Amino acid sequence: MARSIDQQIATTQAKLNRLKQRQKASETRRKIIVGAIVTTEALKDPKIARWMAATLRKNATREVDQKELVGLLDELDQVAAKADRT
């Protein structure tokens, strides 16, 4: 039995929604990977640490985000300060 046009539209919309979810999940994974790599390098390199700390302070404007970053910002500041002392 042939499907109605409404059924075909619903099936196509469901497929589109699944593809959009996969795309969003892929973008999220990419952000996590990049963030992990940049954070790891920043904790080793004072120049990157300074840049990352300044960038985070400038761009993380929501209070909830700022609270989440307190520990990382402290670590980055320590890496930058350690280089300044040597």
C-alpha atoms as a PDB file:
ATOM      1  CA  MET A   1       0.000   0.000   0.000  1.00  0.00           C
ATOM      2  CA  ALA A   2       1.364   3.403  -0.929  1.00  0.00           C
ATOM      3  CA  ARG A   3       2.128   5.829   1.842  1.00  0.00           C
ATOM      4  CA  SER A   4       0.309   9.118   1.905  1.00  0.00           C
ATOM      5  CA  ILE A   5       2.112  12.372   1.294  1.00  0.00           C
ATOM      6  CA  ASP A   6       1.672  13.256   4.984  1.00  0.00           C
ATOM      7  CA  GLN A   7       3.345   9.983   5.984  1.00  0.00           C
ATOM      8  CA  GLN A   8       6.215  10.624   3.586  1.00  0.00           C
ATOM      9  CA  ILE A   9       6.667  14.135   4.994  1.00  0.00           C
ATOM     10  CA  ALA A  10       6.661  12.810   8.571  1.00  0.00           C
ATOM     11  CA  THR A  11       9.234  10.140   7.693  1.00  0.00           C
ATOM     12  CA  THR A  12      11.457  12.680   5.955  1.00  0.00           C
ATOM     13  CA  GLN A  13      11.188  15.138   8.849  1.00  0.00           C
ATOM     14  CA  ALA A  14      12.097  12.386  11.317  1.00  0.00           C
ATOM     15  CA  LYS A  15      15.151  11.504   9.219  1.00  0.00           C
ATOM     16  CA  LEU A  16      16.159  15.184   9.037  1.00  0.00           C
ATOM     17  CA  ASN A  17      15.837  15.495  12.816  1.00  0.00           C
ATOM     18  CA  ARG A  18      18.075  12.436  13.309  1.00  0.00           C
ATOM     19  CA  LEU A  19      20.684  13.906  10.957  1.00  0.00           C
ATOM     20  CA  LYS A  20      20.590  17.233  12.811  1.00  0.00           C
ATOM     21  CA  GLN A  21      21.121  15.410  16.113  1.00  0.00           C
ATOM     22  CA  ARG A  22      24.113  13.541  14.666  1.00  0.00           C
ATOM     23  CA  GLN A  23      25.563  16.813  13.366  1.00  0.00           C
ATOM     24  CA  LYS A  24      25.161  18.493  16.746  1.00  0.00           C
ATOM     25  CA  ALA A  25      26.758  15.526  18.533  1.00  0.00           C
ATOM     26  CA  SER A  26      29.689  15.640  16.098  1.00  0.00           C
ATOM     27  CA  GLU A  27      30.186  19.381  16.675  1.00  0.00           C
ATOM     28  CA  THR A  28      30.083  18.843  20.445  1.00  0.00           C
ATOM     29  CA  ARG A  29      32.687  16.044  20.245  1.00  0.00           C
ATOM     30  CA  ARG A  30      34.930  18.279  18.137  1.00  0.00           C
ATOM     31  CA  LYS A  31      34.675  21.109  20.686  1.00  0.00           C
ATOM     32  CA  ILE A  32      35.528  18.732  23.527  1.00  0.00           C
ATOM     33  CA  ILE A  33      38.562  17.366  21.688  1.00  0.00           C
ATOM     34  CA  VAL A  34      39.884  20.820  20.759  1.00  0.00           C
ATOM     35  CA  GLY A  35      39.241  22.140  24.269  1.00  0.00           C
ATOM     36  CA  ALA A  36      41.092  19.233  25.853  1.00  0.00           C
ATOM     37  CA  ILE A  37      44.100  19.652  23.577  1.00  0.00           C
ATOM     38  CA  VAL A  38      44.321  23.428  24.031  1.00  0.00           C
ATOM     39  CA  THR A  39      43.903  23.126  27.814  1.00  0.00           C
ATOM     40  CA  THR A  40      46.635  20.469  28.027  1.00  0.00           C
ATOM     41  CA  GLU A  41      49.045  22.615  26.032  1.00  0.00           C
ATOM     42  CA  ALA A  42      48.161  25.760  27.989  1.00  0.00           C
ATOM     43  CA  LEU A  43      49.011  24.024  31.245  1.00  0.00           C
ATOM     44  CA  LYS A  44      52.493  23.335  29.821  1.00  0.00           C
ATOM     45  CA  ASP A  45      53.228  26.609  28.020  1.00  0.00           C
ATOM     46  CA  PRO A  46      53.087  29.968  29.854  1.00  0.00           C
ATOM     47  CA  LYS A  47      52.415  31.933  26.655  1.00  0.00           C
ATOM     48  CA  ILE A  48      49.408  29.773  25.795  1.00  0.00           C
ATOM     49  CA  ALA A  49      48.318  29.851  29.453  1.00  0.00           C
ATOM     50  CA  ARG A  50      48.261  33.663  29.459  1.00  0.00           C
ATOM     51  CA  TRP A  51      46.334  33.776  26.195  1.00  0.00           C
ATOM     52  CA  MET A  52      43.824  31.160  27.302  1.00  0.00           C
ATOM     53  CA  ALA A  53      43.210  32.779  30.690  1.00  0.00           C
ATOM     54  CA  ALA A  54      42.688  36.198  29.100  1.00  0.00           C
ATOM     55  CA  THR A  55      40.401  34.746  26.427  1.00  0.00           C
ATOM     56  CA  LEU A  56      38.311  32.849  28.960  1.00  0.00           C
ATOM     57  CA  ARG A  57      37.983  35.880  31.215  1.00  0.00           C
ATOM     58  CA  LYS A  58      36.902  38.018  28.288  1.00  0.00           C
ATOM     59  CA  ASN A  59      34.424  35.592  26.725  1.00  0.00           C
ATOM     60  CA  ALA A  60      32.933  33.606  29.604  1.00  0.00           C
ATOM     61  CA  THR A  61      30.420  36.227  30.650  1.00  0.00           C
ATOM     62  CA  ARG A  62      27.745  34.070  32.271  1.00  0.00           C
ATOM     63  CA  GLU A  63      28.166  33.715  36.024  1.00  0.00           C
ATOM     64  CA  VAL A  64      27.622  29.963  35.892  1.00  0.00           C
ATOM     65  CA  ASP A  65      30.426  29.626  33.322  1.00  0.00           C
ATOM     66  CA  GLN A  66      32.763  31.852  35.347  1.00  0.00           C
ATOM     67  CA  LYS A  67      32.203  29.700  38.442  1.00  0.00           C
ATOM     68  CA  GLU A  68      32.989  26.560  36.447  1.00  0.00           C
ATOM     69  CA  LEU A  69      36.277  28.041  35.220  1.00  0.00           C
ATOM     70  CA  VAL A  70      37.672  29.261  38.563  1.00  0.00           C
ATOM     71  CA  GLY A  71      39.938  26.240  39.111  1.00  0.00           C
ATOM     72  CA  LEU A  72      41.241  26.197  35.559  1.00  0.00           C
ATOM     73  CA  LEU A  73      41.941  29.935  35.617  1.00  0.00           C
ATOM     74  CA  ASP A  74      43.912  29.488  38.842  1.00  0.00           C
ATOM     75  CA  GLU A  75      45.990  26.739  37.212  1.00  0.00           C
ATOM     76  CA  LEU A  76      46.612  28.844  34.117  1.00  0.00           C
ATOM     77  CA  ASP A  77      47.640  31.833  36.257  1.00  0.00           C
ATOM     78  CA  GLN A  78      50.064  29.617  38.165  1.00  0.00           C
ATOM     79  CA  VAL A  79      51.675  28.378  34.943  1.00  0.00           C
ATOM     80  CA  ALA A  80      52.034  31.964  33.684  1.00  0.00           C
ATOM     81  CA  ALA A  81      53.360  33.236  37.034  1.00  0.00           C
ATOM     82  CA  LYS A  82      55.861  30.394  37.297  1.00  0.00           C
ATOM     83  CA  ALA A  83      57.416  31.491  33.992  1.00  0.00           C
ATOM     84  CA  ASP A  84      57.536  35.101  35.198  1.00  0.00           C
ATOM     85  CA  ARG A  85      59.554  34.067  38.269  1.00  0.00           C
ATOM     86  CA  THR A  86      62.210  32.263  36.247  1.00  0.00           C
END
